[in-house]
PDB file of all heavy atoms in Angstrom:
ATOM      1  N   GLY A   1      92.264 117.708  98.851  1.00  0.00           N
ATOM      2  CA  GLY A   1      93.675 118.002  98.483  1.00  0.00           C
ATOM      3  C   GLY A   1      94.284 119.089  99.525  1.00  0.00           C
ATOM      4  O   GLY A   1      93.730 120.139  99.749  1.00  0.00           O
ATOM      5  N   ARG A   2      95.410 118.771 100.019  1.00  0.00           N
ATOM      6  CA  ARG A   2      96.100 119.640 100.903  1.00  0.00           C
ATOM      7  C   ARG A   2      97.393 120.043 100.319  1.00  0.00           C
ATOM      8  O   ARG A   2      97.656 119.982  99.072  1.00  0.00           O
ATOM      9  CB  ARG A   2      96.239 119.084 102.341  1.00  0.00           C
ATOM     10  CG  ARG A   2      94.860 118.801 103.066  1.00  0.00           C
ATOM     11  CD  ARG A   2      94.983 118.970 104.562  1.00  0.00           C
ATOM     12  NE  ARG A   2      96.181 118.179 105.135  1.00  0.00           N
ATOM     13  CZ  ARG A   2      96.338 118.029 106.422  1.00  0.00           C
ATOM     14  NH1 ARG A   2      95.597 118.667 107.380  1.00  0.00           N
ATOM     15  NH2 ARG A   2      97.385 117.421 106.856  1.00  0.00           N
ATOM     16  N   ASP A   3      98.387 120.429 101.179  1.00  0.00           N
ATOM     17  CA  ASP A   3      99.738 120.929 100.772  1.00  0.00           C
ATOM     18  C   ASP A   3     100.491 120.089  99.800  1.00  0.00           C
ATOM     19  O   ASP A   3     100.822 120.491  98.766  1.00  0.00           O
ATOM     20  CB  ASP A   3     100.524 121.227 101.905  1.00  0.00           C
ATOM     21  CG  ASP A   3      99.813 121.999 103.068  1.00  0.00           C
ATOM     22  OD1 ASP A   3      98.666 121.703 103.484  1.00  0.00           O
ATOM     23  OD2 ASP A   3     100.553 123.012 103.541  1.00  0.00           O
ATOM     24  N   LYS A   4     100.591 118.742 100.063  1.00  0.00           N
ATOM     25  CA  LYS A   4     101.423 117.940  99.267  1.00  0.00           C
ATOM     26  C   LYS A   4     100.890 117.728  97.809  1.00  0.00           C
ATOM     27  O   LYS A   4     101.608 117.707  96.881  1.00  0.00           O
ATOM     28  CB  LYS A   4     101.746 116.606 100.002  1.00  0.00           C
ATOM     29  CG  LYS A   4     102.583 116.835 101.127  1.00  0.00           C
ATOM     30  CD  LYS A   4     103.102 115.499 101.843  1.00  0.00           C
ATOM     31  CE  LYS A   4     104.037 115.722 103.003  1.00  0.00           C
ATOM     32  NZ  LYS A   4     104.370 114.401 103.580  1.00  0.00           N
ATOM     33  N   ILE A   5      99.639 117.532  97.831  1.00  0.00           N
ATOM     34  CA  ILE A   5      98.877 117.295  96.568  1.00  0.00           C
ATOM     35  C   ILE A   5      98.974 118.452  95.636  1.00  0.00           C
ATOM     36  O   ILE A   5      99.284 118.583  94.495  1.00  0.00           O
ATOM     37  CB  ILE A   5      97.477 116.817  96.620  1.00  0.00           C
ATOM     38  CG1 ILE A   5      97.344 115.378  97.072  1.00  0.00           C
ATOM     39  CG2 ILE A   5      96.635 117.146  95.472  1.00  0.00           C
ATOM     40  CD1 ILE A   5      97.776 114.427  95.939  1.00  0.00           C
ATOM     41  N   HIS A   6      98.809 119.657  96.236  1.00  0.00           N
ATOM     42  CA  HIS A   6      98.702 120.962  95.454  1.00  0.00           C
ATOM     43  C   HIS A   6     100.219 121.133  94.959  1.00  0.00           C
ATOM     44  O   HIS A   6     100.380 121.591  93.836  1.00  0.00           O
ATOM     45  CB  HIS A   6      98.421 122.133  96.401  1.00  0.00           C
ATOM     46  CG  HIS A   6      97.033 122.344  96.509  1.00  0.00           C
ATOM     47  ND1 HIS A   6      96.070 121.568  97.241  1.00  0.00           N
ATOM     48  CD2 HIS A   6      96.070 123.204  95.764  1.00  0.00           C
ATOM     49  CE1 HIS A   6      94.781 121.886  97.067  1.00  0.00           C
ATOM     50  NE2 HIS A   6      94.806 122.855  96.162  1.00  0.00           N
ATOM     51  N   LYS A   7     101.276 120.993  95.845  1.00  0.00           N
ATOM     52  CA  LYS A   7     102.701 121.174  95.446  1.00  0.00           C
ATOM     53  C   LYS A   7     103.036 120.166  94.262  1.00  0.00           C
ATOM     54  O   LYS A   7     103.698 120.504  93.322  1.00  0.00           O
ATOM     55  CB  LYS A   7     103.561 120.865  96.724  1.00  0.00           C
ATOM     56  CG  LYS A   7     105.074 121.112  96.293  1.00  0.00           C
ATOM     57  CD  LYS A   7     105.969 120.884  97.595  1.00  0.00           C
ATOM     58  CE  LYS A   7     107.283 121.137  97.306  1.00  0.00           C
ATOM     59  NZ  LYS A   7     108.222 121.024  98.421  1.00  0.00           N
ATOM     60  N   PHE A   8     102.563 118.865  94.365  1.00  0.00           N
ATOM     61  CA  PHE A   8     102.760 117.978  93.436  1.00  0.00           C
ATOM     62  C   PHE A   8     102.140 118.338  92.050  1.00  0.00           C
ATOM     63  O   PHE A   8     102.813 118.274  90.963  1.00  0.00           O
ATOM     64  CB  PHE A   8     102.313 116.579  93.838  1.00  0.00           C
ATOM     65  CG  PHE A   8     102.482 115.427  92.781  1.00  0.00           C
ATOM     66  CD1 PHE A   8     103.681 114.820  92.745  1.00  0.00           C
ATOM     67  CD2 PHE A   8     101.447 115.096  92.031  1.00  0.00           C
ATOM     68  CE1 PHE A   8     103.914 113.793  91.783  1.00  0.00           C
ATOM     69  CE2 PHE A   8     101.714 114.001  91.155  1.00  0.00           C
ATOM     70  CZ  PHE A   8     102.835 113.491  91.041  1.00  0.00           C
ATOM     71  N   LEU A   9     100.849 118.815  92.148  1.00  0.00           N
ATOM     72  CA  LEU A   9     100.202 119.121  90.931  1.00  0.00           C
ATOM     73  C   LEU A   9     100.900 120.287  90.172  1.00  0.00           C
ATOM     74  O   LEU A   9     100.884 120.303  88.908  1.00  0.00           O
ATOM     75  CB  LEU A   9      98.701 119.497  91.203  1.00  0.00           C
ATOM     76  CG  LEU A   9      97.831 118.398  91.537  1.00  0.00           C
ATOM     77  CD1 LEU A   9      96.395 118.922  92.059  1.00  0.00           C
ATOM     78  CD2 LEU A   9      97.637 117.310  90.480  1.00  0.00           C
ATOM     79  N   VAL A  10     101.416 121.213  90.968  1.00  0.00           N
ATOM     80  CA  VAL A  10     101.913 122.435  90.369  1.00  0.00           C
ATOM     81  C   VAL A  10     103.517 122.261  90.017  1.00  0.00           C
ATOM     82  O   VAL A  10     103.886 122.554  88.794  1.00  0.00           O
ATOM     83  CB  VAL A  10     101.982 123.616  91.317  1.00  0.00           C
ATOM     84  CG1 VAL A  10     102.785 124.838  90.834  1.00  0.00           C
ATOM     85  CG2 VAL A  10     100.484 124.037  91.535  1.00  0.00           C
ATOM     86  N   HIS A  11     104.164 121.563  90.764  1.00  0.00           N
ATOM     87  CA  HIS A  11     105.679 121.345  90.408  1.00  0.00           C
ATOM     88  C   HIS A  11     105.878 120.101  89.477  1.00  0.00           C
ATOM     89  O   HIS A  11     106.786 120.317  88.702  1.00  0.00           O
ATOM     90  CB  HIS A  11     106.483 121.142  91.679  1.00  0.00           C
ATOM     91  CG  HIS A  11     106.509 122.442  92.563  1.00  0.00           C
ATOM     92  ND1 HIS A  11     107.116 122.386  93.809  1.00  0.00           N
ATOM     93  CD2 HIS A  11     106.156 123.550  92.277  1.00  0.00           C
ATOM     94  CE1 HIS A  11     107.168 123.732  94.286  1.00  0.00           C
ATOM     95  NE2 HIS A  11     106.472 124.443  93.482  1.00  0.00           N
ATOM     96  N   GLU A  12     105.171 119.104  89.625  1.00  0.00           N
ATOM     97  CA  GLU A  12     105.425 117.985  88.770  1.00  0.00           C
ATOM     98  C   GLU A  12     104.498 117.807  87.590  1.00  0.00           C
ATOM     99  O   GLU A  12     104.930 117.176  86.658  1.00  0.00           O
ATOM    100  CB  GLU A  12     105.145 116.584  89.627  1.00  0.00           C
ATOM    101  CG  GLU A  12     106.003 116.592  90.937  1.00  0.00           C
ATOM    102  CD  GLU A  12     107.502 116.554  90.620  1.00  0.00           C
ATOM    103  OE1 GLU A  12     107.907 116.001  89.641  1.00  0.00           O
ATOM    104  OE2 GLU A  12     108.269 117.118  91.418  1.00  0.00           O
ATOM    105  N   ARG A  13     103.517 118.600  87.581  1.00  0.00           N
ATOM    106  CA  ARG A  13     102.593 118.616  86.467  1.00  0.00           C
ATOM    107  C   ARG A  13     102.351 117.357  85.827  1.00  0.00           C
ATOM    108  O   ARG A  13     102.592 117.066  84.676  1.00  0.00           O
ATOM    109  CB  ARG A  13     103.184 119.653  85.386  1.00  0.00           C
ATOM    110  CG  ARG A  13     103.192 121.039  85.816  1.00  0.00           C
ATOM    111  CD  ARG A  13     103.637 121.964  84.701  1.00  0.00           C
ATOM    112  NE  ARG A  13     103.470 123.392  85.164  1.00  0.00           N
ATOM    113  CZ  ARG A  13     102.404 124.069  85.053  1.00  0.00           C
ATOM    114  NH1 ARG A  13     101.253 123.609  84.719  1.00  0.00           N
ATOM    115  NH2 ARG A  13     102.363 125.389  85.413  1.00  0.00           N
ATOM    116  N   PRO A  14     101.692 116.427  86.626  1.00  0.00           N
ATOM    117  CA  PRO A  14     101.355 115.148  86.056  1.00  0.00           C
ATOM    118  C   PRO A  14     100.357 115.197  84.856  1.00  0.00           C
ATOM    119  O   PRO A  14      99.507 116.161  84.962  1.00  0.00           O
ATOM    120  CB  PRO A  14     100.762 114.335  87.236  1.00  0.00           C
ATOM    121  CG  PRO A  14     100.184 115.482  88.067  1.00  0.00           C
ATOM    122  CD  PRO A  14     101.177 116.580  87.957  1.00  0.00           C
ATOM    123  N   ASP A  15     100.550 114.322  83.885  1.00  0.00           N
ATOM    124  CA  ASP A  15      99.568 114.347  82.711  1.00  0.00           C
ATOM    125  C   ASP A  15      98.214 113.996  83.240  1.00  0.00           C
ATOM    126  O   ASP A  15      98.030 113.170  84.124  1.00  0.00           O
ATOM    127  CB  ASP A  15     100.113 113.222  81.707  1.00  0.00           C
ATOM    128  CG  ASP A  15      99.284 113.398  80.441  1.00  0.00           C
ATOM    129  OD1 ASP A  15      98.128 113.077  80.427  1.00  0.00           O
ATOM    130  OD2 ASP A  15     100.044 113.889  79.448  1.00  0.00           O
ATOM    131  N   LYS A  16      97.289 114.652  82.736  1.00  0.00           N
ATOM    132  CA  LYS A  16      95.824 114.471  83.183  1.00  0.00           C
ATOM    133  C   LYS A  16      95.357 112.945  83.102  1.00  0.00           C
ATOM    134  O   LYS A  16      94.707 112.463  83.964  1.00  0.00           O
ATOM    135  CB  LYS A  16      94.943 115.379  82.351  1.00  0.00           C
ATOM    136  CG  LYS A  16      95.118 116.723  82.742  1.00  0.00           C
ATOM    137  CD  LYS A  16      94.096 117.721  81.938  1.00  0.00           C
ATOM    138  CE  LYS A  16      94.570 119.092  82.138  1.00  0.00           C
ATOM    139  NZ  LYS A  16      93.663 120.015  81.287  1.00  0.00           N
ATOM    140  N   LYS A  17      95.964 112.201  82.148  1.00  0.00           N
ATOM    141  CA  LYS A  17      95.639 110.840  82.022  1.00  0.00           C
ATOM    142  C   LYS A  17      96.316 110.027  83.154  1.00  0.00           C
ATOM    143  O   LYS A  17      95.814 108.826  83.389  1.00  0.00           O
ATOM    144  CB  LYS A  17      96.026 110.361  80.589  1.00  0.00           C
ATOM    145  CG  LYS A  17      97.476 110.196  80.437  1.00  0.00           C
ATOM    146  CD  LYS A  17      97.744 109.705  78.955  1.00  0.00           C
ATOM    147  CE  LYS A  17      99.202 109.829  78.634  1.00  0.00           C
ATOM    148  NZ  LYS A  17     100.211 109.300  79.526  1.00  0.00           N
ATOM    149  N   ASP A  18      97.199 110.617  83.886  1.00  0.00           N
ATOM    150  CA  ASP A  18      97.882 109.831  84.961  1.00  0.00           C
ATOM    151  C   ASP A  18      97.139 110.074  86.145  1.00  0.00           C
ATOM    152  O   ASP A  18      97.441 109.415  87.259  1.00  0.00           O
ATOM    153  CB  ASP A  18      99.346 110.195  85.063  1.00  0.00           C
ATOM    154  CG  ASP A  18     100.226 109.738  83.782  1.00  0.00           C
ATOM    155  OD1 ASP A  18      99.781 108.745  83.255  1.00  0.00           O
ATOM    156  OD2 ASP A  18     101.064 110.455  83.447  1.00  0.00           O
ATOM    157  N   ILE A  19      96.279 111.017  86.281  1.00  0.00           N
ATOM    158  CA  ILE A  19      95.384 111.298  87.513  1.00  0.00           C
ATOM    159  C   ILE A  19      94.211 110.470  87.330  1.00  0.00           C
ATOM    160  O   ILE A  19      93.436 110.517  86.337  1.00  0.00           O
ATOM    161  CB  ILE A  19      95.086 112.805  87.537  1.00  0.00           C
ATOM    162  CG1 ILE A  19      96.249 113.615  87.660  1.00  0.00           C
ATOM    163  CG2 ILE A  19      94.166 113.044  88.838  1.00  0.00           C
ATOM    164  CD1 ILE A  19      96.119 115.044  87.534  1.00  0.00           C
ATOM    165  N   PRO A  20      93.941 109.489  88.293  1.00  0.00           N
ATOM    166  CA  PRO A  20      92.815 108.583  88.238  1.00  0.00           C
ATOM    167  C   PRO A  20      91.402 109.154  88.389  1.00  0.00           C
ATOM    168  O   PRO A  20      90.497 108.541  88.126  1.00  0.00           O
ATOM    169  CB  PRO A  20      93.031 107.595  89.470  1.00  0.00           C
ATOM    170  CG  PRO A  20      93.842 108.505  90.421  1.00  0.00           C
ATOM    171  CD  PRO A  20      94.673 109.331  89.537  1.00  0.00           C
ATOM    172  N   PHE A  21      91.314 110.586  88.633  1.00  0.00           N
ATOM    173  CA  PHE A  21      90.075 111.193  88.863  1.00  0.00           C
ATOM    174  C   PHE A  21      89.988 112.299  87.665  1.00  0.00           C
ATOM    175  O   PHE A  21      91.007 112.893  87.393  1.00  0.00           O
ATOM    176  CB  PHE A  21      89.867 111.791  90.153  1.00  0.00           C
ATOM    177  CG  PHE A  21      90.350 110.968  91.358  1.00  0.00           C
ATOM    178  CD1 PHE A  21      91.199 111.596  92.333  1.00  0.00           C
ATOM    179  CD2 PHE A  21      90.032 109.636  91.377  1.00  0.00           C
ATOM    180  CE1 PHE A  21      91.542 110.801  93.323  1.00  0.00           C
ATOM    181  CE2 PHE A  21      90.498 108.866  92.363  1.00  0.00           C
ATOM    182  CZ  PHE A  21      91.281 109.426  93.402  1.00  0.00           C
ATOM    183  N   GLU A  22      88.661 112.551  87.331  1.00  0.00           N
ATOM    184  CA  GLU A  22      88.472 113.757  86.498  1.00  0.00           C
ATOM    185  C   GLU A  22      88.380 115.014  87.354  1.00  0.00           C
ATOM    186  O   GLU A  22      87.531 115.136  88.067  1.00  0.00           O
ATOM    187  CB  GLU A  22      87.144 113.528  85.697  1.00  0.00           C
ATOM    188  CG  GLU A  22      86.887 114.721  84.722  1.00  0.00           C
ATOM    189  CD  GLU A  22      87.943 115.000  83.817  1.00  0.00           C
ATOM    190  OE1 GLU A  22      88.255 114.227  82.765  1.00  0.00           O
ATOM    191  OE2 GLU A  22      88.337 116.185  83.813  1.00  0.00           O
ATOM    192  N   LEU A  23      89.321 115.901  87.036  1.00  0.00           N
ATOM    193  CA  LEU A  23      89.338 117.144  87.956  1.00  0.00           C
ATOM    194  C   LEU A  23      88.475 118.281  87.166  1.00  0.00           C
ATOM    195  O   LEU A  23      88.090 119.259  87.950  1.00  0.00           O
ATOM    196  CB  LEU A  23      90.717 117.627  88.222  1.00  0.00           C
ATOM    197  CG  LEU A  23      91.605 116.599  89.012  1.00  0.00           C
ATOM    198  CD1 LEU A  23      92.997 117.187  89.390  1.00  0.00           C
ATOM    199  CD2 LEU A  23      90.929 116.314  90.279  1.00  0.00           C
ATOM    200  N   HIS A  24      88.419 118.247  85.935  1.00  0.00           N
ATOM    201  CA  HIS A  24      87.776 119.435  85.312  1.00  0.00           C
ATOM    202  C   HIS A  24      86.388 119.374  85.621  1.00  0.00           C
ATOM    203  O   HIS A  24      85.572 118.487  85.548  1.00  0.00           O
ATOM    204  CB  HIS A  24      87.864 119.089  83.640  1.00  0.00           C
ATOM    205  CG  HIS A  24      87.317 120.317  82.831  1.00  0.00           C
ATOM    206  ND1 HIS A  24      88.077 121.479  82.586  1.00  0.00           N
ATOM    207  CD2 HIS A  24      86.117 120.600  82.318  1.00  0.00           C
ATOM    208  CE1 HIS A  24      87.446 122.320  81.944  1.00  0.00           C
ATOM    209  NE2 HIS A  24      86.187 121.823  81.836  1.00  0.00           N
ATOM    210  N   GLY A  25      85.891 120.625  86.142  1.00  0.00           N
ATOM    211  CA  GLY A  25      84.557 120.959  86.580  1.00  0.00           C
ATOM    212  C   GLY A  25      84.365 120.417  87.943  1.00  0.00           C
ATOM    213  O   GLY A  25      83.195 120.556  88.470  1.00  0.00           O
ATOM    214  N   GLY A  26      85.335 120.031  88.500  1.00  0.00           N
ATOM    215  CA  GLY A  26      85.315 119.522  89.828  1.00  0.00           C
ATOM    216  C   GLY A  26      85.452 120.401  91.090  1.00  0.00           C
ATOM    217  O   GLY A  26      85.800 121.605  90.799  1.00  0.00           O
ATOM    218  N   ILE A  27      85.441 119.860  92.276  1.00  0.00           N
ATOM    219  CA  ILE A  27      85.523 120.653  93.483  1.00  0.00           C
ATOM    220  C   ILE A  27      86.564 119.954  94.381  1.00  0.00           C
ATOM    221  O   ILE A  27      86.685 118.813  94.529  1.00  0.00           O
ATOM    222  CB  ILE A  27      84.264 120.749  94.343  1.00  0.00           C
ATOM    223  CG1 ILE A  27      83.114 121.459  93.552  1.00  0.00           C
ATOM    224  CG2 ILE A  27      84.517 121.484  95.670  1.00  0.00           C
ATOM    225  CD1 ILE A  27      81.834 121.464  94.264  1.00  0.00           C
ATOM    226  N   ILE A  28      87.550 120.843  94.670  1.00  0.00           N
ATOM    227  CA  ILE A  28      88.666 120.484  95.609  1.00  0.00           C
ATOM    228  C   ILE A  28      88.272 120.706  97.064  1.00  0.00           C
ATOM    229  O   ILE A  28      87.983 121.956  97.190  1.00  0.00           O
ATOM    230  CB  ILE A  28      90.139 121.028  95.194  1.00  0.00           C
ATOM    231  CG1 ILE A  28      90.564 120.288  94.023  1.00  0.00           C
ATOM    232  CG2 ILE A  28      91.006 120.734  96.404  1.00  0.00           C
ATOM    233  CD1 ILE A  28      91.937 120.728  93.540  1.00  0.00           C
ATOM    234  N   TYR A  29      88.407 119.846  97.994  1.00  0.00           N
ATOM    235  CA  TYR A  29      88.085 120.133  99.313  1.00  0.00           C
ATOM    236  C   TYR A  29      89.404 120.214 100.103  1.00  0.00           C
ATOM    237  O   TYR A  29      90.145 119.177 100.191  1.00  0.00           O
ATOM    238  CB  TYR A  29      87.112 119.000  99.860  1.00  0.00           C
ATOM    239  CG  TYR A  29      86.820 119.182 101.358  1.00  0.00           C
ATOM    240  CD1 TYR A  29      86.774 120.520 101.956  1.00  0.00           C
ATOM    241  CD2 TYR A  29      86.216 118.078 102.091  1.00  0.00           C
ATOM    242  CE1 TYR A  29      86.391 120.591 103.325  1.00  0.00           C
ATOM    243  CE2 TYR A  29      85.840 118.152 103.444  1.00  0.00           C
ATOM    244  CZ  TYR A  29      85.909 119.474 104.013  1.00  0.00           C
ATOM    245  OH  TYR A  29      85.458 119.659 105.411  1.00  0.00           O
ATOM    246  N   HIS A  30      89.765 121.349 100.705  1.00  0.00           N
ATOM    247  CA  HIS A  30      91.013 121.469 101.552  1.00  0.00           C
ATOM    248  C   HIS A  30      90.676 120.736 102.820  1.00  0.00           C
ATOM    249  O   HIS A  30      90.162 121.269 103.763  1.00  0.00           O
ATOM    250  CB  HIS A  30      91.167 122.949 101.817  1.00  0.00           C
ATOM    251  CG  HIS A  30      91.650 123.652 100.609  1.00  0.00           C
ATOM    252  ND1 HIS A  30      91.597 124.980 100.405  1.00  0.00           N
ATOM    253  CD2 HIS A  30      92.097 123.249  99.276  1.00  0.00           C
ATOM    254  CE1 HIS A  30      91.955 125.453  99.259  1.00  0.00           C
ATOM    255  NE2 HIS A  30      92.277 124.411  98.557  1.00  0.00           N
ATOM    256  N   CYS A  31      91.138 119.403 102.862  1.00  0.00           N
ATOM    257  CA  CYS A  31      90.762 118.523 104.034  1.00  0.00           C
ATOM    258  C   CYS A  31      91.775 117.437 104.195  1.00  0.00           C
ATOM    259  O   CYS A  31      92.191 116.957 103.137  1.00  0.00           O
ATOM    260  CB  CYS A  31      89.376 117.972 103.869  1.00  0.00           C
ATOM    261  SG  CYS A  31      88.813 116.757 104.904  1.00  0.00           S
ATOM    262  N   GLY A  32      92.194 117.185 105.322  1.00  0.00           N
ATOM    263  CA  GLY A  32      93.019 116.097 105.627  1.00  0.00           C
ATOM    264  C   GLY A  32      92.103 114.956 106.452  1.00  0.00           C
ATOM    265  O   GLY A  32      92.113 114.985 107.611  1.00  0.00           O
ATOM    266  N   PRO A  33      91.397 114.262 105.691  1.00  0.00           N
ATOM    267  CA  PRO A  33      90.424 113.392 106.352  1.00  0.00           C
ATOM    268  C   PRO A  33      91.018 112.245 107.221  1.00  0.00           C
ATOM    269  O   PRO A  33      92.061 111.859 106.979  1.00  0.00           O
ATOM    270  CB  PRO A  33      89.702 112.750 105.127  1.00  0.00           C
ATOM    271  CG  PRO A  33      90.681 112.715 104.077  1.00  0.00           C
ATOM    272  CD  PRO A  33      91.480 113.963 104.251  1.00  0.00           C
ATOM    273  N   ILE A  34      90.246 111.910 108.291  1.00  0.00           N
ATOM    274  CA  ILE A  34      90.581 110.688 109.085  1.00  0.00           C
ATOM    275  C   ILE A  34      89.838 109.617 108.576  1.00  0.00           C
ATOM    276  O   ILE A  34      88.525 109.463 108.420  1.00  0.00           O
ATOM    277  CB  ILE A  34      90.207 110.925 110.562  1.00  0.00           C
ATOM    278  CG1 ILE A  34      91.004 112.088 111.232  1.00  0.00           C
ATOM    279  CG2 ILE A  34      90.546 109.673 111.418  1.00  0.00           C
ATOM    280  CD1 ILE A  34      90.643 112.411 112.482  1.00  0.00           C
ATOM    281  N   ILE A  35      90.519 108.543 107.922  1.00  0.00           N
ATOM    282  CA  ILE A  35      89.873 107.435 107.317  1.00  0.00           C
ATOM    283  C   ILE A  35      90.632 106.118 107.768  1.00  0.00           C
ATOM    284  O   ILE A  35      91.642 106.067 108.033  1.00  0.00           O
ATOM    285  CB  ILE A  35      90.221 107.588 105.734  1.00  0.00           C
ATOM    286  CG1 ILE A  35      89.411 108.870 105.195  1.00  0.00           C
ATOM    287  CG2 ILE A  35      89.694 106.364 105.018  1.00  0.00           C
ATOM    288  CD1 ILE A  35      89.621 108.980 103.792  1.00  0.00           C
ATOM    289  N   LYS A  36      89.616 105.177 107.974  1.00  0.00           N
ATOM    290  CA  LYS A  36      89.993 103.888 108.525  1.00  0.00           C
ATOM    291  C   LYS A  36      89.766 102.730 107.403  1.00  0.00           C
ATOM    292  O   LYS A  36      88.718 102.988 106.776  1.00  0.00           O
ATOM    293  CB  LYS A  36      89.309 103.528 109.812  1.00  0.00           C
ATOM    294  CG  LYS A  36      89.816 104.206 111.110  1.00  0.00           C
ATOM    295  CD  LYS A  36      89.130 103.673 112.257  1.00  0.00           C
ATOM    296  CE  LYS A  36      89.743 104.220 113.583  1.00  0.00           C
ATOM    297  NZ  LYS A  36      89.021 103.614 114.818  1.00  0.00           N
ATOM    298  N   LYS A  37      90.611 101.807 107.388  1.00  0.00           N
ATOM    299  CA  LYS A  37      90.409 100.871 106.351  1.00  0.00           C
ATOM    300  C   LYS A  37      89.876  99.591 107.146  1.00  0.00           C
ATOM    301  O   LYS A  37      90.488  99.048 108.040  1.00  0.00           O
ATOM    302  CB  LYS A  37      91.623 100.425 105.653  1.00  0.00           C
ATOM    303  CG  LYS A  37      91.499  99.485 104.512  1.00  0.00           C
ATOM    304  CD  LYS A  37      92.803  99.269 103.718  1.00  0.00           C
ATOM    305  CE  LYS A  37      92.562  98.381 102.534  1.00  0.00           C
ATOM    306  NZ  LYS A  37      93.839  98.091 101.810  1.00  0.00           N
ATOM    307  N   ILE A  38      88.608  99.271 106.897  1.00  0.00           N
ATOM    308  CA  ILE A  38      87.974  98.154 107.581  1.00  0.00           C
ATOM    309  C   ILE A  38      87.536  97.095 106.534  1.00  0.00           C
ATOM    310  O   ILE A  38      86.764  97.359 105.727  1.00  0.00           O
ATOM    311  CB  ILE A  38      86.704  98.605 108.399  1.00  0.00           C
ATOM    312  CG1 ILE A  38      87.228  99.705 109.422  1.00  0.00           C
ATOM    313  CG2 ILE A  38      86.099  97.505 109.121  1.00  0.00           C
ATOM    314  CD1 ILE A  38      86.094 100.401 109.999  1.00  0.00           C
TER     315      ILE A  38
END
């Protein structure tokens, strides 16, 4: 999670059921990964 995700979570406050991952008890990595689709 970087800037845009954090801003979205705070400003838009999506319902937890609309987030496809369970965040409770989780770890957020401040990272903009380089990912390829193969």
